[in-house]
Amino acid sequence: MALLTSGGYLQTLQAHTPLVHCITNFVAMNSSANILLALGASPAMLHAREEAGEFTALADALSINIGTVSPDFADGMRATTRVACDNGTPWVLDPVAVGATAYRRRLCAELMERSPTLIRGNASEILCLNGMANPGRGADSTASTAEARDAAVELARRQGCLVGVSGEVDLITDGERITSVYGGHALMPRITTLGCGLSATAAAFLGVADATPESCFAAATTAFGSFSLAGERAAAGADGPGSFTPAFLDALYHLQAEDLDHHLSLEIRHGF
């Protein structure tokens, strides 16, 4: 099957309405659900350990975010990632503030044994997951994407998965190539949970991708590119964070295939 363009992935998502199971933090539940709905996906925010794993078997993709983790949430994460791994369901790990506490580091180490399709974090989180001492400041990064480049490549190779690093310039790598995604806007870090929403969005695009490395890489790139382009467009009419948020949802909703195919700013490097 021919590899889809970024616009093709968006059209496929809108046609198939993938069901995305999200175990995300309390702050992000509403915003992540609205982001998925704006794009055309179907969100489900189930986290109870008694049903989470069972529901994952029905979903097209899974997004795990440890932002407000608790023992009950962690049990749900264990159950869902076990099912996703067994069933070949694509899933995304968002290791929020993984460097802040030993509990988060232990949980992420356990979850990474379940073969995530994509690990998406900021530079500090990726550096920490790769064993480098950069805990960040809570959920905030104290490192740049460029500083995390080598760590992202090493982590992708070791895990056999995609790694996405969010920042002023986003980076996606499978350990053999890197795509840099330019664009976005300086207002985006001023809006809480946009990164959480990006992880859920990546899961949605992975949910309509073929289970091949090429297709998954292109789908993840499309997710990052969609956010970047929507951020640029939302900022054009925003006066600040308050007006940016609804404008961003509207920009996601109005994205068309030709927008992604003709207006994304990407740089792809191989064999570094």
C-alpha atoms as a PDB file:
ATOM      1  CA  MET A   1       0.000   0.000   0.000  1.00  0.00           C
ATOM      2  CA  ALA A   2       1.326   3.430  -0.937  1.00  0.00           C
ATOM      3  CA  LEU A   3       2.303   5.674   1.956  1.00  0.00           C
ATOM      4  CA  LEU A   4      -0.243   8.407   2.586  1.00  0.00           C
ATOM      5  CA  THR A   5       0.636  12.085   2.615  1.00  0.00           C
ATOM      6  CA  SER A   6       0.009  14.090   5.772  1.00  0.00           C
ATOM      7  CA  GLY A   7      -3.231  15.277   4.201  1.00  0.00           C
ATOM      8  CA  GLY A   8      -4.122  11.673   3.464  1.00  0.00           C
ATOM      9  CA  TYR A   9      -3.743  10.754   7.125  1.00  0.00           C
ATOM     10  CA  LEU A  10      -6.039  13.620   8.114  1.00  0.00           C
ATOM     11  CA  GLN A  11      -8.653  12.511   5.578  1.00  0.00           C
ATOM     12  CA  THR A  12      -8.398   8.934   6.845  1.00  0.00           C
ATOM     13  CA  LEU A  13      -8.811  10.066  10.446  1.00  0.00           C
ATOM     14  CA  GLN A  14     -11.869  12.143   9.592  1.00  0.00           C
ATOM     15  CA  ALA A  15     -13.393   9.271   7.611  1.00  0.00           C
ATOM     16  CA  HIS A  16     -12.824   6.564  10.224  1.00  0.00           C
ATOM     17  CA  THR A  17     -13.243   8.516  13.501  1.00  0.00           C
ATOM     18  CA  PRO A  18     -10.755   6.408  15.488  1.00  0.00           C
ATOM     19  CA  LEU A  19     -11.678   5.632  19.088  1.00  0.00           C
ATOM     20  CA  VAL A  20      -8.847   6.877  21.293  1.00  0.00           C
ATOM     21  CA  HIS A  21      -8.705   5.585  24.859  1.00  0.00           C
ATOM     22  CA  CYS A  22      -6.992   8.200  27.035  1.00  0.00           C
ATOM     23  CA  ILE A  23      -5.761   7.751  30.570  1.00  0.00           C
ATOM     24  CA  THR A  24      -4.653  11.298  31.075  1.00  0.00           C
ATOM     25  CA  ASN A  25      -4.350  13.749  33.938  1.00  0.00           C
ATOM     26  CA  PHE A  26      -7.263  15.555  35.558  1.00  0.00           C
ATOM     27  CA  VAL A  27      -6.195  18.906  34.108  1.00  0.00           C
ATOM     28  CA  ALA A  28      -6.085  17.544  30.546  1.00  0.00           C
ATOM     29  CA  MET A  29      -9.209  15.400  30.288  1.00  0.00           C
ATOM     30  CA  ASN A  30     -11.542  18.081  28.953  1.00  0.00           C
ATOM     31  CA  SER A  31      -9.044  19.807  26.676  1.00  0.00           C
ATOM     32  CA  SER A  32      -7.697  16.552  25.202  1.00  0.00           C
ATOM     33  CA  ALA A  33     -11.224  15.332  24.499  1.00  0.00           C
ATOM     34  CA  ASN A  34     -12.089  18.604  22.756  1.00  0.00           C
ATOM     35  CA  ILE A  35      -8.899  18.489  20.688  1.00  0.00           C
ATOM     36  CA  LEU A  36      -9.686  14.963  19.504  1.00  0.00           C
ATOM     37  CA  LEU A  37     -13.262  15.902  18.686  1.00  0.00           C
ATOM     38  CA  ALA A  38     -12.130  18.989  16.757  1.00  0.00           C
ATOM     39  CA  LEU A  39      -9.873  16.849  14.576  1.00  0.00           C
ATOM     40  CA  GLY A  40     -12.532  14.209  13.984  1.00  0.00           C
ATOM     41  CA  ALA A  41     -11.507  11.451  16.398  1.00  0.00           C
ATOM     42  CA  SER A  42     -13.594   9.947  19.197  1.00  0.00           C
ATOM     43  CA  PRO A  43     -12.211  10.314  22.756  1.00  0.00           C
ATOM     44  CA  ALA A  44     -12.846   8.050  25.738  1.00  0.00           C
ATOM     45  CA  MET A  45     -11.488   8.985  29.177  1.00  0.00           C
ATOM     46  CA  LEU A  46     -11.689   5.742  31.169  1.00  0.00           C
ATOM     47  CA  HIS A  47      -9.169   5.056  33.906  1.00  0.00           C
ATOM     48  CA  ALA A  48     -10.796   2.678  36.432  1.00  0.00           C
ATOM     49  CA  ARG A  49      -8.657  -0.419  36.792  1.00  0.00           C
ATOM     50  CA  GLU A  50     -11.824  -2.558  36.831  1.00  0.00           C
ATOM     51  CA  GLU A  51     -12.652  -1.715  33.193  1.00  0.00           C
ATOM     52  CA  ALA A  52      -9.732   0.103  31.588  1.00  0.00           C
ATOM     53  CA  GLY A  53      -8.052  -2.950  30.112  1.00  0.00           C
ATOM     54  CA  GLU A  54     -11.326  -4.361  28.813  1.00  0.00           C
ATOM     55  CA  PHE A  55     -12.134  -1.081  27.085  1.00  0.00           C
ATOM     56  CA  THR A  56      -8.711  -0.828  25.448  1.00  0.00           C
ATOM     57  CA  ALA A  57      -9.550  -3.973  23.483  1.00  0.00           C
ATOM     58  CA  LEU A  58     -12.294  -1.931  21.764  1.00  0.00           C
ATOM     59  CA  ALA A  59     -10.139   1.111  20.997  1.00  0.00           C
ATOM     60  CA  ASP A  60      -8.139   1.978  17.905  1.00  0.00           C
ATOM     61  CA  ALA A  61      -5.365   3.605  19.950  1.00  0.00           C
ATOM     62  CA  LEU A  62      -4.324   4.359  23.522  1.00  0.00           C
ATOM     63  CA  SER A  63      -2.766   7.470  25.065  1.00  0.00           C
ATOM     64  CA  ILE A  64      -1.157   7.256  28.520  1.00  0.00           C
ATOM     65  CA  ASN A  65      -0.291  10.461  30.403  1.00  0.00           C
ATOM     66  CA  ILE A  66       1.159  10.257  33.934  1.00  0.00           C
ATOM     67  CA  GLY A  67       0.559  13.898  34.853  1.00  0.00           C
ATOM     68  CA  THR A  68      -1.631  13.324  37.926  1.00  0.00           C
ATOM     69  CA  VAL A  69      -0.778   9.689  38.499  1.00  0.00           C
ATOM     70  CA  SER A  70      -2.110   7.811  41.508  1.00  0.00           C
ATOM     71  CA  PRO A  71      -2.002   4.121  42.452  1.00  0.00           C
ATOM     72  CA  ASP A  72      -5.451   3.553  40.906  1.00  0.00           C
ATOM     73  CA  PHE A  73      -4.513   5.401  37.725  1.00  0.00           C
ATOM     74  CA  ALA A  74      -1.251   3.438  37.574  1.00  0.00           C
ATOM     75  CA  ASP A  75      -3.159   0.152  37.801  1.00  0.00           C
ATOM     76  CA  GLY A  76      -5.347   1.280  34.918  1.00  0.00           C
ATOM     77  CA  MET A  77      -2.248   2.169  32.914  1.00  0.00           C
ATOM     78  CA  ARG A  78      -0.742  -1.243  33.559  1.00  0.00           C
ATOM     79  CA  ALA A  79      -3.936  -2.980  32.470  1.00  0.00           C
ATOM     80  CA  THR A  80      -4.407  -0.944  29.298  1.00  0.00           C
ATOM     81  CA  THR A  81      -0.808  -1.117  28.104  1.00  0.00           C
ATOM     82  CA  ARG A  82      -0.800  -4.872  28.673  1.00  0.00           C
ATOM     83  CA  VAL A  83      -3.838  -5.237  26.411  1.00  0.00           C
ATOM     84  CA  ALA A  84      -2.426  -2.814  23.830  1.00  0.00           C
ATOM     85  CA  CYS A  85       0.858  -4.725  23.729  1.00  0.00           C
ATOM     86  CA  ASP A  86      -0.892  -8.096  23.399  1.00  0.00           C
ATOM     87  CA  ASN A  87      -3.315  -6.873  20.720  1.00  0.00           C
ATOM     88  CA  GLY A  88      -0.904  -4.757  18.692  1.00  0.00           C
ATOM     89  CA  THR A  89      -2.878  -1.593  19.426  1.00  0.00           C
ATOM     90  CA  PRO A  90      -0.740   1.541  18.920  1.00  0.00           C
ATOM     91  CA  TRP A  91      -0.164   3.491  22.084  1.00  0.00           C
ATOM     92  CA  VAL A  92       1.577   6.671  23.196  1.00  0.00           C
ATOM     93  CA  LEU A  93       3.408   7.278  26.473  1.00  0.00           C
ATOM     94  CA  ASP A  94       3.519  10.863  27.758  1.00  0.00           C
ATOM     95  CA  PRO A  95       5.997  10.786  30.685  1.00  0.00           C
ATOM     96  CA  VAL A  96       4.942  14.042  32.351  1.00  0.00           C
ATOM     97  CA  ALA A  97       7.530  15.266  34.887  1.00  0.00           C
ATOM     98  CA  VAL A  98       9.160  11.833  34.919  1.00  0.00           C
ATOM     99  CA  GLY A  99      12.299  13.307  36.456  1.00  0.00           C
ATOM    100  CA  ALA A 100      10.449  14.824  39.409  1.00  0.00           C
ATOM    101  CA  THR A 101       9.986  11.707  41.560  1.00  0.00           C
ATOM    102  CA  ALA A 102      11.240   8.143  41.858  1.00  0.00           C
ATOM    103  CA  TYR A 103       7.630   6.896  41.669  1.00  0.00           C
ATOM    104  CA  ARG A 104       7.197   8.369  38.195  1.00  0.00           C
ATOM    105  CA  ARG A 105      10.498   6.964  37.005  1.00  0.00           C
ATOM    106  CA  ARG A 106       9.622   3.459  38.222  1.00  0.00           C
ATOM    107  CA  LEU A 107       6.190   3.589  36.610  1.00  0.00           C
ATOM    108  CA  CYS A 108       7.542   4.787  33.258  1.00  0.00           C
ATOM    109  CA  ALA A 109      10.219   2.098  33.287  1.00  0.00           C
ATOM    110  CA  GLU A 110       7.499  -0.482  33.821  1.00  0.00           C
ATOM    111  CA  LEU A 111       5.244   0.929  31.117  1.00  0.00           C
ATOM    112  CA  MET A 112       8.072   1.113  28.587  1.00  0.00           C
ATOM    113  CA  GLU A 113       8.394  -2.666  28.841  1.00  0.00           C
ATOM    114  CA  ARG A 114       4.985  -2.823  27.108  1.00  0.00           C
ATOM    115  CA  SER A 115       6.331  -1.564  23.741  1.00  0.00           C
ATOM    116  CA  PRO A 116       4.910   1.941  23.265  1.00  0.00           C
ATOM    117  CA  THR A 117       4.567   2.991  19.641  1.00  0.00           C
ATOM    118  CA  LEU A 118       5.575   6.566  20.481  1.00  0.00           C
ATOM    119  CA  ILE A 119       7.087   8.252  23.514  1.00  0.00           C
ATOM    120  CA  ARG A 120       6.242  11.979  23.447  1.00  0.00           C
ATOM    121  CA  GLY A 121       7.680  14.422  25.929  1.00  0.00           C
ATOM    122  CA  ASN A 122       9.549  17.649  26.349  1.00  0.00           C
ATOM    123  CA  ALA A 123      13.331  17.732  26.189  1.00  0.00           C
ATOM    124  CA  SER A 124      13.874  17.279  29.935  1.00  0.00           C
ATOM    125  CA  GLU A 125      11.536  14.287  30.058  1.00  0.00           C
ATOM    126  CA  ILE A 126      13.281  12.573  27.142  1.00  0.00           C
ATOM    127  CA  LEU A 127      16.708  13.244  28.653  1.00  0.00           C
ATOM    128  CA  CYS A 128      15.544  11.723  31.929  1.00  0.00           C
ATOM    129  CA  LEU A 129      14.067   8.627  30.271  1.00  0.00           C
ATOM    130  CA  ASN A 130      17.350   8.081  28.500  1.00  0.00           C
ATOM    131  CA  GLY A 131      19.183   8.079  31.825  1.00  0.00           C
ATOM    132  CA  MET A 132      20.581  11.594  31.739  1.00  0.00           C
ATOM    133  CA  ALA A 133      20.197  13.862  34.767  1.00  0.00           C
ATOM    134  CA  ASN A 134      17.819  16.599  33.648  1.00  0.00           C
ATOM    135  CA  PRO A 135      14.644  16.382  35.732  1.00  0.00           C
ATOM    136  CA  GLY A 136      13.148  19.608  34.407  1.00  0.00           C
ATOM    137  CA  ARG A 137      10.923  21.741  36.605  1.00  0.00           C
ATOM    138  CA  GLY A 138       7.788  19.752  37.167  1.00  0.00           C
ATOM    139  CA  ALA A 139       6.119  19.486  33.792  1.00  0.00           C
ATOM    140  CA  ASP A 140       8.309  22.285  32.370  1.00  0.00           C
ATOM    141  CA  SER A 141      11.430  21.600  30.354  1.00  0.00           C
ATOM    142  CA  THR A 142      14.737  23.156  31.325  1.00  0.00           C
ATOM    143  CA  ALA A 143      16.416  21.904  28.145  1.00  0.00           C
ATOM    144  CA  SER A 144      15.964  22.613  24.455  1.00  0.00           C
ATOM    145  CA  THR A 145      14.942  20.143  21.774  1.00  0.00           C
ATOM    146  CA  ALA A 146      18.437  20.362  20.293  1.00  0.00           C
ATOM    147  CA  GLU A 147      19.945  19.303  23.623  1.00  0.00           C
ATOM    148  CA  ALA A 148      17.698  16.241  23.678  1.00  0.00           C
ATOM    149  CA  ARG A 149      18.349  15.174  20.097  1.00  0.00           C
ATOM    150  CA  ASP A 150      20.964  12.502  20.817  1.00  0.00           C
ATOM    151  CA  ALA A 151      19.007  11.226  23.816  1.00  0.00           C
ATOM    152  CA  ALA A 152      15.883  10.900  21.655  1.00  0.00           C
ATOM    153  CA  VAL A 153      17.779   8.929  19.015  1.00  0.00           C
ATOM    154  CA  GLU A 154      19.311   6.616  21.622  1.00  0.00           C
ATOM    155  CA  LEU A 155      15.974   6.108  23.366  1.00  0.00           C
ATOM    156  CA  ALA A 156      14.238   5.298  20.066  1.00  0.00           C
ATOM    157  CA  ARG A 157      16.906   2.745  19.188  1.00  0.00           C
ATOM    158  CA  ARG A 158      16.857   1.115  22.608  1.00  0.00           C
ATOM    159  CA  GLN A 159      13.071   0.950  22.811  1.00  0.00           C
ATOM    160  CA  GLY A 160      12.466   0.169  19.151  1.00  0.00           C
ATOM    161  CA  CYS A 161       9.840   2.897  18.981  1.00  0.00           C
ATOM    162  CA  LEU A 162       9.254   6.456  17.845  1.00  0.00           C
ATOM    163  CA  VAL A 163      10.287   9.329  20.098  1.00  0.00           C
ATOM    164  CA  GLY A 164       8.802  12.798  19.761  1.00  0.00           C
ATOM    165  CA  VAL A 165      10.249  15.853  21.498  1.00  0.00           C
ATOM    166  CA  SER A 166       8.112  18.974  21.793  1.00  0.00           C
ATOM    167  CA  GLY A 167       9.679  22.407  21.884  1.00  0.00           C
ATOM    168  CA  GLU A 168      10.264  25.530  19.863  1.00  0.00           C
ATOM    169  CA  VAL A 169      11.152  23.123  17.052  1.00  0.00           C
ATOM    170  CA  ASP A 170       9.565  19.682  17.394  1.00  0.00           C
ATOM    171  CA  LEU A 171      11.539  16.538  16.649  1.00  0.00           C
ATOM    172  CA  ILE A 172      10.398  13.019  15.741  1.00  0.00           C
ATOM    173  CA  THR A 173      12.846  10.141  15.368  1.00  0.00           C
ATOM    174  CA  ASP A 174      12.844   6.379  14.962  1.00  0.00           C
ATOM    175  CA  GLY A 175      16.551   6.164  15.741  1.00  0.00           C
ATOM    176  CA  GLU A 176      17.593   6.192  12.084  1.00  0.00           C
ATOM    177  CA  ARG A 177      16.102   9.453  10.843  1.00  0.00           C
ATOM    178  CA  ILE A 178      14.844  12.697  12.309  1.00  0.00           C
ATOM    179  CA  THR A 179      12.057  14.977  11.177  1.00  0.00           C
ATOM    180  CA  SER A 180      12.070  18.515  12.538  1.00  0.00           C
ATOM    181  CA  VAL A 181       8.723  20.311  12.539  1.00  0.00           C
ATOM    182  CA  TYR A 182       8.845  24.102  12.429  1.00  0.00           C
ATOM    183  CA  GLY A 183       6.074  26.541  13.176  1.00  0.00           C
ATOM    184  CA  GLY A 184       3.724  26.779  16.124  1.00  0.00           C
ATOM    185  CA  HIS A 185       3.734  29.939  18.217  1.00  0.00           C
ATOM    186  CA  ALA A 186       5.201  31.324  21.437  1.00  0.00           C
ATOM    187  CA  LEU A 187       1.711  31.374  22.996  1.00  0.00           C
ATOM    188  CA  MET A 188       1.469  27.580  22.916  1.00  0.00           C
ATOM    189  CA  PRO A 189       3.616  26.958  26.037  1.00  0.00           C
ATOM    190  CA  ARG A 190       1.344  29.439  27.866  1.00  0.00           C
ATOM    191  CA  ILE A 191      -1.631  27.071  27.481  1.00  0.00           C
ATOM    192  CA  THR A 192      -1.808  24.192  29.912  1.00  0.00           C
ATOM    193  CA  THR A 193      -2.275  20.618  28.577  1.00  0.00           C
ATOM    194  CA  LEU A 194      -1.491  21.310  24.909  1.00  0.00           C
ATOM    195  CA  GLY A 195       1.302  18.745  25.139  1.00  0.00           C
ATOM    196  CA  CYS A 196      -1.146  16.250  26.624  1.00  0.00           C
ATOM    197  CA  GLY A 197      -3.483  16.966  23.731  1.00  0.00           C
ATOM    198  CA  LEU A 198      -0.655  16.401  21.262  1.00  0.00           C
ATOM    199  CA  SER A 199      -0.003  12.950  22.732  1.00  0.00           C
ATOM    200  CA  ALA A 200      -3.692  12.075  22.338  1.00  0.00           C
ATOM    201  CA  THR A 201      -3.638  13.465  18.794  1.00  0.00           C
ATOM    202  CA  ALA A 202      -0.606  11.358  17.933  1.00  0.00           C
ATOM    203  CA  ALA A 203      -2.459   8.305  19.216  1.00  0.00           C
ATOM    204  CA  ALA A 204      -5.414   9.182  16.976  1.00  0.00           C
ATOM    205  CA  PHE A 205      -3.253   9.408  13.865  1.00  0.00           C
ATOM    206  CA  LEU A 206      -1.406   6.213  14.789  1.00  0.00           C
ATOM    207  CA  GLY A 207      -4.798   4.571  15.145  1.00  0.00           C
ATOM    208  CA  VAL A 208      -5.452   5.010  11.417  1.00  0.00           C
ATOM    209  CA  ALA A 209      -1.913   4.166  10.273  1.00  0.00           C
ATOM    210  CA  ASP A 210      -0.770   0.836   8.905  1.00  0.00           C
ATOM    211  CA  ALA A 211       1.261  -1.188  11.388  1.00  0.00           C
ATOM    212  CA  THR A 212       4.497  -0.457   9.536  1.00  0.00           C
ATOM    213  CA  PRO A 213       7.413   1.725  10.643  1.00  0.00           C
ATOM    214  CA  GLU A 214       7.052   4.032   7.640  1.00  0.00           C
ATOM    215  CA  SER A 215       3.344   4.583   8.154  1.00  0.00           C
ATOM    216  CA  CYS A 216       3.664   5.128  11.906  1.00  0.00           C
ATOM    217  CA  PHE A 217       6.478   7.627  11.391  1.00  0.00           C
ATOM    218  CA  ALA A 218       4.426   9.563   8.849  1.00  0.00           C
ATOM    219  CA  ALA A 219       1.335   9.487  11.086  1.00  0.00           C
ATOM    220  CA  ALA A 220       3.261  10.817  14.090  1.00  0.00           C
ATOM    221  CA  THR A 221       4.776  13.560  11.952  1.00  0.00           C
ATOM    222  CA  THR A 222       1.275  14.509  10.794  1.00  0.00           C
ATOM    223  CA  ALA A 223       0.131  14.872  14.410  1.00  0.00           C
ATOM    224  CA  PHE A 224       2.987  17.230  15.264  1.00  0.00           C
ATOM    225  CA  GLY A 225       2.512  19.117  12.006  1.00  0.00           C
ATOM    226  CA  SER A 226      -1.208  19.560  12.625  1.00  0.00           C
ATOM    227  CA  PHE A 227      -0.522  21.158  15.989  1.00  0.00           C
ATOM    228  CA  SER A 228       2.191  23.380  14.562  1.00  0.00           C
ATOM    229  CA  LEU A 229       0.041  24.674  11.722  1.00  0.00           C
ATOM    230  CA  ALA A 230      -3.038  25.129  13.914  1.00  0.00           C
ATOM    231  CA  GLY A 231      -0.926  27.051  16.446  1.00  0.00           C
ATOM    232  CA  GLU A 232       0.339  29.429  13.777  1.00  0.00           C
ATOM    233  CA  ARG A 233      -3.159  30.109  12.503  1.00  0.00           C
ATOM    234  CA  ALA A 234      -4.736  30.471  15.939  1.00  0.00           C
ATOM    235  CA  ALA A 235      -2.138  33.015  17.038  1.00  0.00           C
ATOM    236  CA  ALA A 236      -2.872  35.248  14.069  1.00  0.00           C
ATOM    237  CA  GLY A 237      -6.154  36.359  15.616  1.00  0.00           C
ATOM    238  CA  ALA A 238      -5.406  35.913  19.331  1.00  0.00           C
ATOM    239  CA  ASP A 239      -4.672  38.661  21.847  1.00  0.00           C
ATOM    240  CA  GLY A 240      -3.271  36.276  24.463  1.00  0.00           C
ATOM    241  CA  PRO A 241      -3.662  32.811  26.004  1.00  0.00           C
ATOM    242  CA  GLY A 242      -7.370  33.280  26.717  1.00  0.00           C
ATOM    243  CA  SER A 243      -8.364  33.976  23.139  1.00  0.00           C
ATOM    244  CA  PHE A 244      -5.762  31.590  21.723  1.00  0.00           C
ATOM    245  CA  THR A 245      -7.384  28.493  23.244  1.00  0.00           C
ATOM    246  CA  PRO A 246     -10.728  28.587  21.378  1.00  0.00           C
ATOM    247  CA  ALA A 247      -8.952  29.814  18.249  1.00  0.00           C
ATOM    248  CA  PHE A 248      -6.676  26.774  18.406  1.00  0.00           C
ATOM    249  CA  LEU A 249      -9.623  24.382  18.584  1.00  0.00           C
ATOM    250  CA  ASP A 250     -11.218  26.177  15.639  1.00  0.00           C
ATOM    251  CA  ALA A 251      -7.960  25.987  13.671  1.00  0.00           C
ATOM    252  CA  LEU A 252      -7.753  22.223  14.256  1.00  0.00           C
ATOM    253  CA  TYR A 253     -11.376  21.835  13.203  1.00  0.00           C
ATOM    254  CA  HIS A 254     -10.807  23.771   9.975  1.00  0.00           C
ATOM    255  CA  LEU A 255      -7.623  21.944   8.918  1.00  0.00           C
ATOM    256  CA  GLN A 256      -7.870  20.460   5.442  1.00  0.00           C
ATOM    257  CA  ALA A 257      -5.748  17.871   3.700  1.00  0.00           C
ATOM    258  CA  GLU A 258      -4.281  20.467   1.349  1.00  0.00           C
ATOM    259  CA  ASP A 259      -3.209  22.584   4.333  1.00  0.00           C
ATOM    260  CA  LEU A 260      -1.012  19.774   5.618  1.00  0.00           C
ATOM    261  CA  ASP A 261       0.256  18.786   2.194  1.00  0.00           C
ATOM    262  CA  HIS A 262       1.274  22.308   1.176  1.00  0.00           C
ATOM    263  CA  HIS A 263       1.940  24.356   4.301  1.00  0.00           C
ATOM    264  CA  LEU A 264       3.871  22.187   6.751  1.00  0.00           C
ATOM    265  CA  SER A 265       7.480  23.189   7.385  1.00  0.00           C
ATOM    266  CA  LEU A 266       9.480  19.961   7.777  1.00  0.00           C
ATOM    267  CA  GLU A 267      13.145  19.004   7.596  1.00  0.00           C
ATOM    268  CA  ILE A 268      14.026  15.312   7.288  1.00  0.00           C
ATOM    269  CA  ARG A 269      17.512  13.954   7.964  1.00  0.00           C
ATOM    270  CA  HIS A 270      18.769  10.396   7.467  1.00  0.00           C
ATOM    271  CA  GLY A 271      21.920   8.560   8.480  1.00  0.00           C
ATOM    272  CA  PHE A 272      23.263  10.928  11.098  1.00  0.00           C
END
